[in-house]
Each structure stands twice: as structure tokens, then as C-alpha cells.
Amino acid sequence: MSPELLKNKNHYKNVLSIMDSTEWLLFISTFIRRKNLITIIYWTYLFIGLVGGVFILFDYNLVTVESRFWIIGITGGLLISLLVSPVLHELIQVIFFKLYGAKHVKFKWNWSLFRFNVQANDFTLSKWRYYGICLVTFSLFSILPFLLAFYADGAILFTLLSLSFFHALYAMKDLAVCSYLYKFPNCYIYSSEQDKTVFYKTLPK
């Protein structure tokens, strides 16, 4: 338990612990499907994005655009969402975690995903701060590219649309955590040095 919560352990209850990637996959697949305000906003955004993407394609007569623009743009957006934006996403979140008291930051190359993983450890974060951090990264790498697509054309347009969509899928881990936190009025996340993530809820005094 974190030092802050240890001092007042009678006021907090451990409601969930996640130890490894298998448990994370189960957690994500469970809570992205829970019906609450967080998931409704997310899936509504994806639906609006789909409608907006169709509007852009037909409004700019892009159906007749040469296939090379489609291929270059969509492939470029996919590569950015696989190799670049996830690292920046994690790095920005880690900077916020560091500002909120994280003691350690680890950089590790993941060969299976062929990218760097950036992870902060040993910190406690309230759910509202976590919501704010997720909003920043989601806005930068999904909402902003989608809005910029309305002012772009050619391969750049397809790159922005592709990046917006694929990064929204990447953010499903954040979505699952936010969805889980939503059911508690007051909840805290604690990430330990042993790669263990613990969720605590505040007990009534």
C-alpha cells in the first residue's frame, strides 16, 4: 500500500489489484463494455467520427482519389499510431504522474510490439486527476487529428483520419480504467514498483 494510504488505511479499502498483462486484458475487455457515462461518451465519439469520416470522404469527392493516396495515408496513420503516438501518449502521462509524485520512471523496449514502453511507478492518483490526464492524451492524439482532417487533403487527410481512429483504439486501456473508476464516488489508483496496480475506494468516516 502507498505511504499516503498506509497512514489512513482505515479510511480506504482495496477493491481491485491487477498484477500482469493477462489480468489487464481481462480487465479491459470487461470494462470497455460497461454502460456508463464514460463508455457512452467514448462510443458516441467513435460513431460521430465514423459519420464525420464518411462526410469528409464524400464532401471532398475523395472516393475518386487515386488509390496511392489512400494507401499512403492509411498506412502512414497506422504506423504513427503503432510506433510514435503510443510512446508520446505514455510519455505525456508519465510526466503528469511524475508531477503528482511518481518516484520511478522505467523505459523498456517491447520487442513483441516493436516500441518503447514508458511506465511510472510508486504513486497514488485520484480518479479526477486520472480523468484529466486521459482527456489530455485522447484530445491530442485522437480528437485533434480528426478535427484537423477537415482542413487537410490528399494523403495527409487519410493519415489524420487513420491516426485518429487507431489511437482511439489504443486508448481502450485508459477507457477501461476510467469506466471502472466511474462506479466509485472517491477512488484512488496506486501503481507500485512491482508493476502492480491497485484501486482503492474511500470508506465513509
N, C-alpha and C. Protein backbone atom coordinates (compact mmCIF):
# COMPACT_ATOMS: atom_id res chain seq x y z
N MET A 1 0.85 -1.19 0.00
CA MET A 1 0.00 0.00 0.00
C MET A 1 0.88 1.24 0.00
N SER A 2 0.44 2.29 -0.66
CA SER A 2 1.25 3.50 -0.75
C SER A 2 1.39 4.16 0.61
N PRO A 3 2.46 4.96 0.81
CA PRO A 3 2.64 5.64 2.09
C PRO A 3 1.46 6.51 2.48
N GLU A 4 0.87 7.22 1.49
CA GLU A 4 -0.25 8.10 1.81
C GLU A 4 -1.45 7.31 2.34
N LEU A 5 -1.73 6.17 1.70
CA LEU A 5 -2.88 5.38 2.12
C LEU A 5 -2.59 4.56 3.38
N LEU A 6 -1.30 4.22 3.59
CA LEU A 6 -0.93 3.48 4.79
C LEU A 6 -1.22 4.28 6.06
N LYS A 7 -1.02 5.59 5.97
CA LYS A 7 -1.22 6.43 7.15
C LYS A 7 -2.67 6.43 7.60
N ASN A 8 -3.59 6.25 6.65
CA ASN A 8 -5.02 6.28 6.97
C ASN A 8 -5.71 5.05 6.39
N LYS A 9 -5.14 3.86 6.64
CA LYS A 9 -5.66 2.65 6.00
C LYS A 9 -7.07 2.29 6.44
N ASN A 10 -7.53 2.84 7.57
CA ASN A 10 -8.90 2.57 8.00
C ASN A 10 -9.92 3.33 7.14
N HIS A 11 -9.43 4.29 6.36
CA HIS A 11 -10.32 5.10 5.54
C HIS A 11 -10.41 4.60 4.10
N TYR A 12 -9.62 3.56 3.76
CA TYR A 12 -9.57 3.08 2.38
C TYR A 12 -9.73 1.57 2.32
N LYS A 13 -10.25 1.11 1.20
CA LYS A 13 -10.42 -0.33 1.00
C LYS A 13 -9.89 -0.72 -0.37
N ASN A 14 -9.09 -1.77 -0.40
CA ASN A 14 -8.59 -2.31 -1.66
C ASN A 14 -9.74 -3.00 -2.39
N VAL A 15 -10.10 -2.49 -3.56
CA VAL A 15 -11.23 -3.06 -4.29
C VAL A 15 -10.79 -3.89 -5.50
N LEU A 16 -9.55 -3.69 -5.96
CA LEU A 16 -9.08 -4.47 -7.11
C LEU A 16 -7.57 -4.34 -7.23
N SER A 17 -6.91 -5.45 -7.56
CA SER A 17 -5.47 -5.45 -7.83
C SER A 17 -5.22 -6.12 -9.17
N ILE A 18 -4.39 -5.51 -9.99
CA ILE A 18 -4.03 -6.07 -11.30
C ILE A 18 -2.53 -6.32 -11.30
N MET A 19 -2.14 -7.57 -11.60
CA MET A 19 -0.75 -7.98 -11.43
C MET A 19 0.03 -8.13 -12.74
N ASP A 20 -0.63 -8.51 -13.82
CA ASP A 20 0.11 -8.79 -15.05
C ASP A 20 -0.72 -8.47 -16.29
N SER A 21 -0.14 -8.70 -17.47
CA SER A 21 -0.80 -8.35 -18.72
C SER A 21 -2.06 -9.17 -18.97
N THR A 22 -2.08 -10.42 -18.52
CA THR A 22 -3.28 -11.25 -18.69
C THR A 22 -4.46 -10.66 -17.93
N GLU A 23 -4.21 -10.23 -16.71
CA GLU A 23 -5.28 -9.61 -15.92
C GLU A 23 -5.70 -8.27 -16.52
N TRP A 24 -4.74 -7.55 -17.11
CA TRP A 24 -5.09 -6.29 -17.77
C TRP A 24 -6.01 -6.55 -18.96
N LEU A 25 -5.73 -7.56 -19.75
CA LEU A 25 -6.57 -7.88 -20.91
C LEU A 25 -7.99 -8.22 -20.48
N LEU A 26 -8.12 -9.00 -19.42
CA LEU A 26 -9.44 -9.35 -18.89
C LEU A 26 -10.15 -8.11 -18.37
N PHE A 27 -9.41 -7.25 -17.68
CA PHE A 27 -9.96 -6.01 -17.13
C PHE A 27 -10.47 -5.11 -18.26
N ILE A 28 -9.64 -4.93 -19.29
CA ILE A 28 -10.02 -4.06 -20.40
C ILE A 28 -11.24 -4.59 -21.14
N SER A 29 -11.24 -5.88 -21.46
CA SER A 29 -12.36 -6.46 -22.20
C SER A 29 -13.67 -6.40 -21.41
N THR A 30 -13.56 -6.36 -20.09
CA THR A 30 -14.76 -6.30 -19.25
C THR A 30 -15.32 -4.89 -19.16
N PHE A 31 -14.46 -3.92 -18.88
CA PHE A 31 -14.97 -2.60 -18.52
C PHE A 31 -15.15 -1.65 -19.69
N ILE A 32 -14.65 -1.99 -20.89
CA ILE A 32 -14.98 -1.14 -22.04
C ILE A 32 -16.41 -1.39 -22.48
N ARG A 33 -17.03 -2.47 -21.97
CA ARG A 33 -18.40 -2.82 -22.36
C ARG A 33 -19.43 -2.44 -21.31
N ARG A 34 -18.96 -1.93 -20.17
CA ARG A 34 -19.90 -1.49 -19.15
C ARG A 34 -20.62 -0.22 -19.59
N LYS A 35 -21.91 -0.16 -19.34
CA LYS A 35 -22.67 1.01 -19.77
C LYS A 35 -22.65 2.07 -18.68
N ASN A 36 -21.93 3.14 -18.91
CA ASN A 36 -21.89 4.29 -18.02
C ASN A 36 -21.56 5.53 -18.84
N LEU A 37 -21.49 6.67 -18.20
CA LEU A 37 -21.27 7.93 -18.92
C LEU A 37 -19.96 7.91 -19.70
N ILE A 38 -18.91 7.33 -19.11
CA ILE A 38 -17.60 7.31 -19.75
C ILE A 38 -17.64 6.52 -21.06
N THR A 39 -18.17 5.31 -21.01
CA THR A 39 -18.21 4.47 -22.22
C THR A 39 -19.18 5.02 -23.25
N ILE A 40 -20.27 5.62 -22.80
CA ILE A 40 -21.23 6.23 -23.74
C ILE A 40 -20.56 7.35 -24.52
N ILE A 41 -19.80 8.21 -23.82
CA ILE A 41 -19.08 9.30 -24.48
C ILE A 41 -18.08 8.75 -25.50
N TYR A 42 -17.34 7.72 -25.09
CA TYR A 42 -16.32 7.14 -25.97
C TYR A 42 -16.93 6.54 -27.23
N TRP A 43 -17.93 5.67 -27.07
CA TRP A 43 -18.51 5.01 -28.24
C TRP A 43 -19.30 5.99 -29.10
N THR A 44 -19.87 7.03 -28.48
CA THR A 44 -20.53 8.08 -29.25
C THR A 44 -19.52 8.83 -30.10
N TYR A 45 -18.34 9.10 -29.51
CA TYR A 45 -17.27 9.77 -30.26
C TYR A 45 -16.86 8.94 -31.47
N LEU A 46 -16.69 7.63 -31.29
CA LEU A 46 -16.32 6.78 -32.42
C LEU A 46 -17.40 6.79 -33.50
N PHE A 47 -18.67 6.80 -33.08
CA PHE A 47 -19.76 6.84 -34.06
C PHE A 47 -19.75 8.17 -34.80
N ILE A 48 -19.58 9.28 -34.05
CA ILE A 48 -19.51 10.59 -34.69
C ILE A 48 -18.31 10.66 -35.63
N GLY A 49 -17.20 10.05 -35.21
CA GLY A 49 -16.02 10.01 -36.06
C GLY A 49 -16.27 9.26 -37.35
N LEU A 50 -17.02 8.17 -37.27
CA LEU A 50 -17.36 7.40 -38.46
C LEU A 50 -18.22 8.23 -39.41
N VAL A 51 -19.23 8.90 -38.84
CA VAL A 51 -20.11 9.75 -39.66
C VAL A 51 -19.31 10.90 -40.26
N GLY A 52 -18.46 11.53 -39.43
CA GLY A 52 -17.64 12.63 -39.92
C GLY A 52 -16.67 12.19 -41.00
N GLY A 53 -16.09 10.99 -40.84
CA GLY A 53 -15.18 10.47 -41.85
C GLY A 53 -15.88 10.25 -43.17
N VAL A 54 -17.08 9.69 -43.13
CA VAL A 54 -17.87 9.48 -44.36
C VAL A 54 -18.20 10.82 -45.01
N PHE A 55 -18.56 11.82 -44.17
CA PHE A 55 -18.87 13.16 -44.70
C PHE A 55 -17.67 13.75 -45.41
N ILE A 56 -16.48 13.64 -44.78
CA ILE A 56 -15.27 14.18 -45.39
C ILE A 56 -14.99 13.51 -46.73
N LEU A 57 -15.12 12.19 -46.76
CA LEU A 57 -14.82 11.45 -47.98
C LEU A 57 -15.71 11.87 -49.15
N PHE A 58 -17.00 12.03 -48.89
CA PHE A 58 -17.93 12.35 -49.97
C PHE A 58 -17.97 13.85 -50.26
N ASP A 59 -17.77 14.67 -49.24
CA ASP A 59 -17.80 16.12 -49.44
C ASP A 59 -16.64 16.58 -50.31
N TYR A 60 -15.50 15.94 -50.16
CA TYR A 60 -14.32 16.33 -50.94
C TYR A 60 -14.12 15.43 -52.16
N ASN A 61 -15.13 14.63 -52.49
CA ASN A 61 -15.05 13.72 -53.64
C ASN A 61 -13.81 12.83 -53.58
N LEU A 62 -13.50 12.38 -52.38
CA LEU A 62 -12.28 11.60 -52.20
C LEU A 62 -12.44 10.15 -52.65
N VAL A 63 -13.66 9.77 -52.94
CA VAL A 63 -13.87 8.41 -53.44
C VAL A 63 -13.13 8.21 -54.76
N THR A 64 -12.97 9.29 -55.51
CA THR A 64 -12.30 9.21 -56.81
C THR A 64 -10.80 9.48 -56.73
N VAL A 65 -10.30 9.73 -55.52
CA VAL A 65 -8.87 10.00 -55.36
C VAL A 65 -8.07 8.75 -55.71
N GLU A 66 -6.87 8.95 -56.26
CA GLU A 66 -6.03 7.81 -56.64
C GLU A 66 -5.76 6.92 -55.43
N SER A 67 -5.68 5.62 -55.71
CA SER A 67 -5.54 4.65 -54.62
C SER A 67 -4.25 4.85 -53.83
N ARG A 68 -3.23 5.42 -54.46
CA ARG A 68 -1.97 5.59 -53.74
C ARG A 68 -2.12 6.53 -52.56
N PHE A 69 -3.01 7.53 -52.67
CA PHE A 69 -3.23 8.43 -51.54
C PHE A 69 -3.89 7.69 -50.38
N TRP A 70 -4.84 6.81 -50.70
CA TRP A 70 -5.47 6.01 -49.66
C TRP A 70 -4.43 5.14 -48.96
N ILE A 71 -3.64 4.45 -49.77
CA ILE A 71 -2.67 3.50 -49.21
C ILE A 71 -1.62 4.22 -48.38
N ILE A 72 -1.05 5.30 -48.92
CA ILE A 72 -0.01 6.05 -48.21
C ILE A 72 -0.57 6.65 -46.93
N GLY A 73 -1.74 7.27 -47.03
CA GLY A 73 -2.33 7.94 -45.87
C GLY A 73 -2.71 6.98 -44.76
N ILE A 74 -3.46 5.95 -45.09
CA ILE A 74 -3.92 5.00 -44.06
C ILE A 74 -2.74 4.24 -43.46
N THR A 75 -1.79 3.83 -44.31
CA THR A 75 -0.61 3.13 -43.79
C THR A 75 0.22 4.05 -42.91
N GLY A 76 0.37 5.32 -43.34
CA GLY A 76 1.12 6.28 -42.53
C GLY A 76 0.48 6.52 -41.18
N GLY A 77 -0.84 6.68 -41.16
CA GLY A 77 -1.54 6.87 -39.89
C GLY A 77 -1.43 5.66 -38.99
N LEU A 78 -1.49 4.46 -39.60
CA LEU A 78 -1.35 3.23 -38.81
C LEU A 78 0.04 3.12 -38.20
N LEU A 79 1.07 3.43 -38.99
CA LEU A 79 2.44 3.37 -38.47
C LEU A 79 2.67 4.38 -37.35
N ILE A 80 2.14 5.59 -37.52
CA ILE A 80 2.27 6.60 -36.46
C ILE A 80 1.57 6.13 -35.20
N SER A 81 0.38 5.55 -35.36
CA SER A 81 -0.39 5.10 -34.18
C SER A 81 0.23 3.88 -33.52
N LEU A 82 1.08 3.15 -34.25
CA LEU A 82 1.75 1.98 -33.67
C LEU A 82 3.10 2.32 -33.06
N LEU A 83 3.85 3.22 -33.71
CA LEU A 83 5.24 3.45 -33.32
C LEU A 83 5.50 4.79 -32.63
N VAL A 84 4.71 5.81 -32.94
CA VAL A 84 5.02 7.15 -32.44
C VAL A 84 4.04 7.61 -31.37
N SER A 85 2.76 7.69 -31.72
CA SER A 85 1.78 8.25 -30.77
C SER A 85 1.67 7.47 -29.47
N PRO A 86 1.80 6.11 -29.45
CA PRO A 86 1.75 5.42 -28.16
C PRO A 86 2.88 5.83 -27.22
N VAL A 87 4.09 6.03 -27.78
CA VAL A 87 5.21 6.46 -26.94
C VAL A 87 4.95 7.85 -26.38
N LEU A 88 4.50 8.77 -27.25
CA LEU A 88 4.19 10.12 -26.79
C LEU A 88 3.04 10.11 -25.79
N HIS A 89 2.05 9.27 -26.05
CA HIS A 89 0.91 9.11 -25.14
C HIS A 89 1.39 8.72 -23.75
N GLU A 90 2.20 7.65 -23.69
CA GLU A 90 2.70 7.16 -22.40
C GLU A 90 3.64 8.17 -21.76
N LEU A 91 4.46 8.84 -22.57
CA LEU A 91 5.42 9.80 -22.04
C LEU A 91 4.71 10.99 -21.40
N ILE A 92 3.68 11.50 -22.06
CA ILE A 92 2.91 12.62 -21.50
C ILE A 92 2.24 12.20 -20.20
N GLN A 93 1.66 11.01 -20.18
CA GLN A 93 1.03 10.54 -18.95
C GLN A 93 2.04 10.38 -17.83
N VAL A 94 3.23 9.85 -18.17
CA VAL A 94 4.27 9.67 -17.16
C VAL A 94 4.74 11.01 -16.61
N ILE A 95 4.81 12.03 -17.46
CA ILE A 95 5.18 13.37 -16.98
C ILE A 95 4.17 13.85 -15.95
N PHE A 96 2.89 13.66 -16.24
CA PHE A 96 1.86 14.03 -15.26
C PHE A 96 1.99 13.20 -13.99
N PHE A 97 2.22 11.89 -14.13
CA PHE A 97 2.37 11.03 -12.95
C PHE A 97 3.56 11.48 -12.11
N LYS A 98 4.63 11.90 -12.79
CA LYS A 98 5.82 12.38 -12.08
C LYS A 98 5.49 13.66 -11.32
N LEU A 99 4.73 14.54 -11.96
CA LEU A 99 4.32 15.78 -11.29
C LEU A 99 3.46 15.49 -10.06
N TYR A 100 2.70 14.39 -10.11
CA TYR A 100 1.83 14.02 -9.00
C TYR A 100 2.49 13.04 -8.03
N GLY A 101 3.82 12.90 -8.12
CA GLY A 101 4.54 12.19 -7.06
C GLY A 101 5.16 10.85 -7.40
N ALA A 102 5.14 10.43 -8.67
CA ALA A 102 5.77 9.15 -9.02
C ALA A 102 7.27 9.20 -8.71
N LYS A 103 7.77 8.13 -8.11
CA LYS A 103 9.18 8.11 -7.70
C LYS A 103 10.10 7.52 -8.77
N HIS A 104 9.57 6.65 -9.61
CA HIS A 104 10.42 5.97 -10.59
C HIS A 104 9.75 5.98 -11.96
N VAL A 105 10.57 6.10 -12.98
CA VAL A 105 10.11 6.01 -14.37
C VAL A 105 10.97 4.97 -15.07
N LYS A 106 10.33 4.03 -15.76
CA LYS A 106 11.06 2.97 -16.47
C LYS A 106 10.80 3.07 -17.97
N PHE A 107 11.87 2.92 -18.75
CA PHE A 107 11.78 2.87 -20.20
C PHE A 107 12.21 1.47 -20.64
N LYS A 108 11.35 0.78 -21.35
CA LYS A 108 11.65 -0.60 -21.73
C LYS A 108 11.20 -0.85 -23.17
N TRP A 109 12.10 -1.44 -23.96
CA TRP A 109 11.77 -1.78 -25.34
C TRP A 109 10.95 -3.07 -25.38
N ASN A 110 9.81 -3.00 -26.03
CA ASN A 110 8.93 -4.17 -26.17
C ASN A 110 9.10 -4.74 -27.57
N TRP A 111 9.78 -5.88 -27.69
CA TRP A 111 10.04 -6.46 -29.00
C TRP A 111 8.77 -6.97 -29.67
N SER A 112 7.85 -7.48 -28.88
CA SER A 112 6.62 -8.03 -29.48
C SER A 112 5.77 -6.94 -30.12
N LEU A 113 5.78 -5.74 -29.52
CA LEU A 113 5.05 -4.61 -30.08
C LEU A 113 5.95 -3.68 -30.88
N PHE A 114 7.28 -3.91 -30.82
CA PHE A 114 8.27 -3.11 -31.52
C PHE A 114 8.15 -1.62 -31.18
N ARG A 115 8.10 -1.33 -29.90
CA ARG A 115 8.07 0.07 -29.46
C ARG A 115 8.50 0.14 -28.01
N PHE A 116 8.78 1.39 -27.57
CA PHE A 116 9.14 1.62 -26.19
C PHE A 116 7.90 1.64 -25.31
N ASN A 117 8.03 1.06 -24.14
CA ASN A 117 7.02 1.22 -23.09
C ASN A 117 7.58 2.17 -22.05
N VAL A 118 6.79 3.13 -21.65
CA VAL A 118 7.19 4.09 -20.63
C VAL A 118 6.25 3.90 -19.45
N GLN A 119 6.81 3.69 -18.26
CA GLN A 119 5.97 3.38 -17.11
C GLN A 119 6.46 4.10 -15.87
N ALA A 120 5.53 4.72 -15.15
CA ALA A 120 5.83 5.35 -13.86
C ALA A 120 5.37 4.43 -12.74
N ASN A 121 6.11 4.44 -11.64
CA ASN A 121 5.79 3.56 -10.52
C ASN A 121 5.79 4.31 -9.20
N ASP A 122 5.13 3.69 -8.23
CA ASP A 122 5.11 4.17 -6.85
C ASP A 122 4.48 5.56 -6.75
N PHE A 123 3.22 5.65 -7.13
CA PHE A 123 2.49 6.90 -6.99
C PHE A 123 1.01 6.61 -6.75
N THR A 124 0.35 7.58 -6.17
CA THR A 124 -1.09 7.50 -5.92
C THR A 124 -1.78 8.63 -6.67
N LEU A 125 -2.90 8.31 -7.32
CA LEU A 125 -3.59 9.30 -8.14
C LEU A 125 -5.09 9.20 -7.93
N SER A 126 -5.74 10.34 -7.75
CA SER A 126 -7.20 10.34 -7.61
C SER A 126 -7.84 10.14 -8.98
N LYS A 127 -9.09 9.69 -8.98
CA LYS A 127 -9.73 9.39 -10.26
C LYS A 127 -9.94 10.64 -11.10
N TRP A 128 -10.18 11.79 -10.48
CA TRP A 128 -10.43 13.01 -11.25
C TRP A 128 -9.16 13.48 -11.95
N ARG A 129 -8.02 13.31 -11.28
CA ARG A 129 -6.76 13.65 -11.94
C ARG A 129 -6.48 12.69 -13.09
N TYR A 130 -6.82 11.42 -12.89
CA TYR A 130 -6.62 10.45 -13.97
C TYR A 130 -7.53 10.76 -15.15
N TYR A 131 -8.77 11.15 -14.88
CA TYR A 131 -9.67 11.57 -15.95
C TYR A 131 -9.05 12.71 -16.76
N GLY A 132 -8.51 13.69 -16.06
CA GLY A 132 -7.92 14.85 -16.72
C GLY A 132 -6.73 14.48 -17.60
N ILE A 133 -5.87 13.59 -17.09
CA ILE A 133 -4.70 13.15 -17.85
C ILE A 133 -5.13 12.40 -19.11
N CYS A 134 -6.10 11.52 -18.97
CA CYS A 134 -6.60 10.76 -20.13
C CYS A 134 -7.24 11.68 -21.16
N LEU A 135 -7.93 12.71 -20.69
CA LEU A 135 -8.55 13.66 -21.60
C LEU A 135 -7.50 14.40 -22.43
N VAL A 136 -6.39 14.76 -21.80
CA VAL A 136 -5.31 15.46 -22.50
C VAL A 136 -4.75 14.59 -23.62
N THR A 137 -4.37 13.35 -23.31
CA THR A 137 -3.76 12.49 -24.33
C THR A 137 -4.76 12.09 -25.41
N PHE A 138 -6.01 11.84 -25.03
CA PHE A 138 -7.02 11.47 -26.03
C PHE A 138 -7.31 12.64 -26.96
N SER A 139 -7.34 13.84 -26.41
CA SER A 139 -7.58 15.04 -27.23
C SER A 139 -6.44 15.27 -28.21
N LEU A 140 -5.20 15.09 -27.75
CA LEU A 140 -4.04 15.36 -28.59
C LEU A 140 -3.91 14.38 -29.75
N PHE A 141 -4.16 13.11 -29.49
CA PHE A 141 -3.83 12.08 -30.48
C PHE A 141 -5.04 11.47 -31.19
N SER A 142 -6.25 11.83 -30.78
CA SER A 142 -7.42 11.31 -31.48
C SER A 142 -8.37 12.43 -31.92
N ILE A 143 -8.78 13.28 -30.98
CA ILE A 143 -9.73 14.34 -31.33
C ILE A 143 -9.09 15.39 -32.23
N LEU A 144 -7.88 15.85 -31.87
CA LEU A 144 -7.21 16.89 -32.67
C LEU A 144 -6.93 16.44 -34.11
N PRO A 145 -6.37 15.24 -34.34
CA PRO A 145 -6.19 14.80 -35.73
C PRO A 145 -7.49 14.73 -36.52
N PHE A 146 -8.58 14.30 -35.84
CA PHE A 146 -9.87 14.22 -36.52
C PHE A 146 -10.35 15.61 -36.95
N LEU A 147 -10.20 16.61 -36.07
CA LEU A 147 -10.61 17.97 -36.41
C LEU A 147 -9.74 18.55 -37.52
N LEU A 148 -8.43 18.28 -37.46
CA LEU A 148 -7.52 18.79 -38.49
C LEU A 148 -7.80 18.17 -39.85
N ALA A 149 -8.39 16.98 -39.87
CA ALA A 149 -8.69 16.31 -41.13
C ALA A 149 -9.66 17.11 -41.99
N PHE A 150 -10.50 17.93 -41.35
CA PHE A 150 -11.45 18.76 -42.10
C PHE A 150 -10.74 19.83 -42.92
N TYR A 151 -9.49 20.12 -42.58
CA TYR A 151 -8.74 21.19 -43.26
C TYR A 151 -7.58 20.64 -44.08
N ALA A 152 -7.53 19.32 -44.25
CA ALA A 152 -6.44 18.70 -44.99
C ALA A 152 -6.97 18.03 -46.25
N ASP A 153 -6.07 17.58 -47.09
CA ASP A 153 -6.47 16.83 -48.28
C ASP A 153 -5.38 15.84 -48.65
N GLY A 154 -5.69 14.99 -49.62
CA GLY A 154 -4.73 14.02 -50.09
C GLY A 154 -4.31 13.01 -49.03
N ALA A 155 -3.04 12.62 -49.09
CA ALA A 155 -2.52 11.61 -48.18
C ALA A 155 -2.56 12.06 -46.73
N ILE A 156 -2.37 13.37 -46.50
CA ILE A 156 -2.38 13.89 -45.12
C ILE A 156 -3.75 13.69 -44.48
N LEU A 157 -4.80 13.91 -45.25
CA LEU A 157 -6.16 13.72 -44.73
C LEU A 157 -6.35 12.28 -44.26
N PHE A 158 -5.95 11.32 -45.09
CA PHE A 158 -6.11 9.91 -44.72
C PHE A 158 -5.22 9.54 -43.54
N THR A 159 -4.05 10.16 -43.46
CA THR A 159 -3.16 9.92 -42.32
C THR A 159 -3.80 10.38 -41.03
N LEU A 160 -4.40 11.57 -41.04
CA LEU A 160 -5.03 12.12 -39.84
C LEU A 160 -6.23 11.28 -39.41
N LEU A 161 -7.06 10.88 -40.37
CA LEU A 161 -8.22 10.05 -40.04
C LEU A 161 -7.78 8.69 -39.49
N SER A 162 -6.76 8.12 -40.10
CA SER A 162 -6.26 6.83 -39.66
C SER A 162 -5.67 6.92 -38.25
N LEU A 163 -4.87 7.96 -38.01
CA LEU A 163 -4.28 8.17 -36.68
C LEU A 163 -5.36 8.36 -35.63
N SER A 164 -6.37 9.17 -35.95
CA SER A 164 -7.46 9.43 -35.00
C SER A 164 -8.17 8.15 -34.61
N PHE A 165 -8.46 7.30 -35.58
CA PHE A 165 -9.19 6.06 -35.31
C PHE A 165 -8.34 5.06 -34.54
N PHE A 166 -7.13 4.80 -35.03
CA PHE A 166 -6.31 3.76 -34.41
C PHE A 166 -5.84 4.16 -33.01
N HIS A 167 -5.62 5.46 -32.79
CA HIS A 167 -5.21 5.86 -31.44
C HIS A 167 -6.39 5.77 -30.47
N ALA A 168 -7.59 5.99 -30.97
CA ALA A 168 -8.77 5.80 -30.11
C ALA A 168 -8.86 4.35 -29.65
N LEU A 169 -8.49 3.42 -30.52
CA LEU A 169 -8.46 2.01 -30.13
C LEU A 169 -7.35 1.74 -29.12
N TYR A 170 -6.20 2.38 -29.33
CA TYR A 170 -5.08 2.22 -28.39
C TYR A 170 -5.47 2.70 -26.99
N ALA A 171 -6.31 3.73 -26.93
CA ALA A 171 -6.69 4.33 -25.64
C ALA A 171 -7.72 3.51 -24.88
N MET A 172 -8.03 2.30 -25.34
CA MET A 172 -9.04 1.49 -24.65
C MET A 172 -8.61 1.10 -23.23
N LYS A 173 -7.31 1.02 -22.98
CA LYS A 173 -6.86 0.75 -21.61
C LYS A 173 -7.28 1.89 -20.70
N ASP A 174 -7.06 3.13 -21.16
CA ASP A 174 -7.50 4.30 -20.39
C ASP A 174 -9.01 4.29 -20.22
N LEU A 175 -9.72 3.93 -21.30
CA LEU A 175 -11.18 3.86 -21.23
C LEU A 175 -11.63 2.88 -20.16
N ALA A 176 -11.00 1.70 -20.13
CA ALA A 176 -11.39 0.67 -19.15
C ALA A 176 -11.17 1.15 -17.73
N VAL A 177 -10.02 1.80 -17.47
CA VAL A 177 -9.74 2.31 -16.13
C VAL A 177 -10.74 3.39 -15.74
N CYS A 178 -11.00 4.32 -16.65
CA CYS A 178 -11.97 5.39 -16.37
C CYS A 178 -13.37 4.81 -16.13
N SER A 179 -13.73 3.79 -16.92
CA SER A 179 -15.03 3.14 -16.75
C SER A 179 -15.13 2.48 -15.38
N TYR A 180 -14.06 1.83 -14.94
CA TYR A 180 -14.06 1.18 -13.63
C TYR A 180 -14.15 2.21 -12.51
N LEU A 181 -13.37 3.28 -12.63
CA LEU A 181 -13.36 4.31 -11.58
C LEU A 181 -14.71 5.01 -11.47
N TYR A 182 -15.47 5.02 -12.55
CA TYR A 182 -16.73 5.77 -12.58
C TYR A 182 -17.71 5.29 -11.51
N LYS A 183 -17.66 4.01 -11.16
CA LYS A 183 -18.66 3.48 -10.23
C LYS A 183 -18.38 3.85 -8.78
N PHE A 184 -17.21 4.44 -8.51
CA PHE A 184 -16.88 4.84 -7.14
C PHE A 184 -16.89 6.37 -7.02
N PRO A 185 -17.57 6.92 -5.99
CA PRO A 185 -17.56 8.37 -5.80
C PRO A 185 -16.14 8.91 -5.58
N ASN A 186 -15.37 8.19 -4.76
CA ASN A 186 -13.99 8.58 -4.49
C ASN A 186 -13.11 7.34 -4.61
N CYS A 187 -12.16 7.37 -5.53
CA CYS A 187 -11.31 6.21 -5.76
C CYS A 187 -9.90 6.68 -6.10
N TYR A 188 -8.93 5.84 -5.75
CA TYR A 188 -7.53 6.16 -6.00
C TYR A 188 -6.85 4.99 -6.71
N ILE A 189 -5.88 5.34 -7.56
CA ILE A 189 -5.05 4.33 -8.22
C ILE A 189 -3.68 4.38 -7.59
N TYR A 190 -3.16 3.21 -7.25
CA TYR A 190 -1.79 3.14 -6.75
C TYR A 190 -0.99 2.19 -7.62
N SER A 191 0.10 2.66 -8.20
CA SER A 191 0.97 1.83 -9.01
C SER A 191 2.27 1.60 -8.25
N SER A 192 2.61 0.34 -8.00
CA SER A 192 3.78 0.01 -7.18
C SER A 192 4.98 -0.31 -8.04
N GLU A 193 6.14 -0.40 -7.40
CA GLU A 193 7.38 -0.70 -8.10
C GLU A 193 7.37 -2.11 -8.68
N GLN A 194 6.53 -2.98 -8.16
CA GLN A 194 6.46 -4.36 -8.64
C GLN A 194 5.48 -4.52 -9.81
N ASP A 195 5.21 -3.43 -10.53
CA ASP A 195 4.29 -3.45 -11.67
C ASP A 195 2.88 -3.87 -11.27
N LYS A 196 2.52 -3.58 -10.05
CA LYS A 196 1.19 -3.93 -9.54
C LYS A 196 0.34 -2.66 -9.48
N THR A 197 -0.86 -2.73 -10.03
CA THR A 197 -1.77 -1.59 -9.98
C THR A 197 -2.93 -1.93 -9.05
N VAL A 198 -3.16 -1.06 -8.07
CA VAL A 198 -4.19 -1.30 -7.05
C VAL A 198 -5.19 -0.16 -7.07
N PHE A 199 -6.47 -0.50 -6.95
CA PHE A 199 -7.52 0.51 -6.87
C PHE A 199 -8.08 0.51 -5.45
N TYR A 200 -8.16 1.70 -4.86
CA TYR A 200 -8.72 1.86 -3.52
C TYR A 200 -9.94 2.76 -3.59
N LYS A 201 -10.93 2.45 -2.77
CA LYS A 201 -12.05 3.37 -2.63
C LYS A 201 -12.05 3.94 -1.23
N THR A 202 -12.58 5.15 -1.10
CA THR A 202 -12.64 5.81 0.19
C THR A 202 -13.82 5.27 0.98
N LEU A 203 -13.58 4.90 2.22
CA LEU A 203 -14.64 4.42 3.10
C LEU A 203 -15.29 5.59 3.81
N PRO A 204 -16.60 5.51 4.06
CA PRO A 204 -17.27 6.59 4.80
C PRO A 204 -16.71 6.70 6.21
N LYS A 205 -16.54 7.92 6.67
CA LYS A 205 -15.99 8.14 8.02
C LYS A 205 -17.07 8.01 9.07
